[in-house]
C-alpha atoms as a PDB file:
ATOM      1  CA  MET A   1     217.528 -78.750 153.101  1.00  0.00           C
ATOM      2  CA  GLY A   2     217.969 -77.688 156.950  1.00  0.00           C
ATOM      3  CA  LYS A   3     217.935 -74.748 158.861  1.00  0.00           C
ATOM      4  CA  GLU A   4     220.839 -72.425 158.962  1.00  0.00           C
ATOM      5  CA  LYS A   5     223.138 -72.667 161.900  1.00  0.00           C
ATOM      6  CA  ILE A   6     223.805 -69.169 163.310  1.00  0.00           C
ATOM      7  CA  ILE A   7     225.140 -67.612 166.245  1.00  0.00           C
ATOM      8  CA  LEU A   8     224.357 -64.136 167.632  1.00  0.00           C
ATOM      9  CA  THR A   9     226.572 -62.766 170.328  1.00  0.00           C
ATOM     10  CA  GLY A  10     228.390 -59.447 171.614  1.00  0.00           C
ATOM     11  CA  ASP A  11     230.343 -57.668 174.084  1.00  0.00           C
ATOM     12  CA  ARG A  12     229.852 -54.446 175.812  1.00  0.00           C
ATOM     13  CA  PRO A  13     232.482 -51.944 175.187  1.00  0.00           C
ATOM     14  CA  THR A  14     233.831 -51.517 179.073  1.00  0.00           C
ATOM     15  CA  GLY A  15     237.545 -50.892 178.642  1.00  0.00           C
ATOM     16  CA  ARG A  16     240.560 -52.320 177.864  1.00  0.00           C
ATOM     17  CA  LEU A  17     240.701 -56.012 176.830  1.00  0.00           C
ATOM     18  CA  HIS A  18     242.478 -58.358 179.344  1.00  0.00           C
ATOM     19  CA  ILE A  19     243.002 -61.856 180.446  1.00  0.00           C
ATOM     20  CA  GLY A  20     239.174 -62.459 181.473  1.00  0.00           C
ATOM     21  CA  HIS A  21     237.920 -61.243 177.941  1.00  0.00           C
ATOM     22  CA  TYR A  22     239.979 -63.938 176.282  1.00  0.00           C
ATOM     23  CA  VAL A  23     239.104 -66.690 178.786  1.00  0.00           C
ATOM     24  CA  GLY A  24     235.506 -65.643 179.274  1.00  0.00           C
ATOM     25  CA  SER A  25     234.082 -65.775 175.722  1.00  0.00           C
ATOM     26  CA  LEU A  26     237.132 -64.622 172.751  1.00  0.00           C
ATOM     27  CA  LYS A  27     238.600 -67.951 173.131  1.00  0.00           C
ATOM     28  CA  ARG A  28     235.214 -70.078 172.728  1.00  0.00           C
ATOM     29  CA  ARG A  29     234.411 -67.675 169.787  1.00  0.00           C
ATOM     30  CA  VAL A  30     237.425 -68.624 167.885  1.00  0.00           C
ATOM     31  CA  GLU A  31     236.824 -72.410 168.719  1.00  0.00           C
ATOM     32  CA  LEU A  32     233.109 -71.925 167.364  1.00  0.00           C
ATOM     33  CA  GLN A  33     233.967 -69.887 164.395  1.00  0.00           C
ATOM     34  CA  ASN A  34     236.799 -72.710 163.450  1.00  0.00           C
ATOM     35  CA  SER A  35     234.433 -75.566 164.317  1.00  0.00           C
ATOM     36  CA  GLY A  36     232.594 -75.258 160.686  1.00  0.00           C
ATOM     37  CA  GLU A  37     229.600 -76.030 162.850  1.00  0.00           C
ATOM     38  CA  TYR A  38     227.730 -72.916 162.254  1.00  0.00           C
ATOM     39  CA  ASP A  39     226.727 -71.162 158.654  1.00  0.00           C
ATOM     40  CA  LYS A  40     226.803 -67.834 160.336  1.00  0.00           C
ATOM     41  CA  ILE A  41     228.604 -65.960 163.163  1.00  0.00           C
ATOM     42  CA  TYR A  42     227.808 -62.030 164.344  1.00  0.00           C
ATOM     43  CA  ILE A  43     229.267 -60.855 167.023  1.00  0.00           C
ATOM     44  CA  MET A  44     227.743 -56.621 168.151  1.00  0.00           C
ATOM     45  CA  ILE A  45     228.871 -53.967 170.241  1.00  0.00           C
ATOM     46  CA  ALA A  46     225.690 -55.097 172.899  1.00  0.00           C
ATOM     47  CA  ASP A  47     225.717 -51.818 174.508  1.00  0.00           C
ATOM     48  CA  ALA A  48     223.490 -49.475 173.027  1.00  0.00           C
ATOM     49  CA  GLN A  49     223.766 -46.765 175.515  1.00  0.00           C
ATOM     50  CA  ALA A  50     227.082 -46.485 175.263  1.00  0.00           C
ATOM     51  CA  LEU A  51     227.142 -45.586 171.397  1.00  0.00           C
ATOM     52  CA  THR A  52     224.719 -42.857 172.799  1.00  0.00           C
ATOM     53  CA  ASP A  53     225.831 -41.580 176.070  1.00  0.00           C
ATOM     54  CA  ASN A  54     228.756 -39.050 175.557  1.00  0.00           C
ATOM     55  CA  TYR A  55     228.455 -39.096 171.616  1.00  0.00           C
ATOM     56  CA  ASP A  56     230.798 -35.668 171.805  1.00  0.00           C
ATOM     57  CA  ASN A  57     232.895 -37.158 173.795  1.00  0.00           C
ATOM     58  CA  PRO A  58     233.857 -40.692 173.079  1.00  0.00           C
ATOM     59  CA  ASP A  59     236.825 -41.526 175.238  1.00  0.00           C
ATOM     60  CA  LYS A  60     234.682 -40.845 177.927  1.00  0.00           C
ATOM     61  CA  SER A  61     232.062 -43.624 177.135  1.00  0.00           C
ATOM     62  CA  GLY A  62     234.603 -46.924 176.321  1.00  0.00           C
ATOM     63  CA  ARG A  63     234.072 -46.677 172.449  1.00  0.00           C
ATOM     64  CA  THR A  64     237.788 -46.476 172.250  1.00  0.00           C
ATOM     65  CA  LEU A  65     237.944 -50.244 173.105  1.00  0.00           C
ATOM     66  CA  TRP A  66     239.769 -51.052 169.857  1.00  0.00           C
ATOM     67  CA  LYS A  67     241.856 -47.922 169.754  1.00  0.00           C
END
């Protein structure tokens, strides 16, 4: 039995999605996901500071990215 093939990647919540996100990472992630080559793929919000700063004002921190 071989080792599991796992991808861990993430994004910083820096604002609204734009073409740069698509070209820079989203397109490739979809390709990897659909390739069937990996056993697991984890995608996370990679900026812990954005999740803790301005906890009482989430609109200011960018956590409204997926609104």
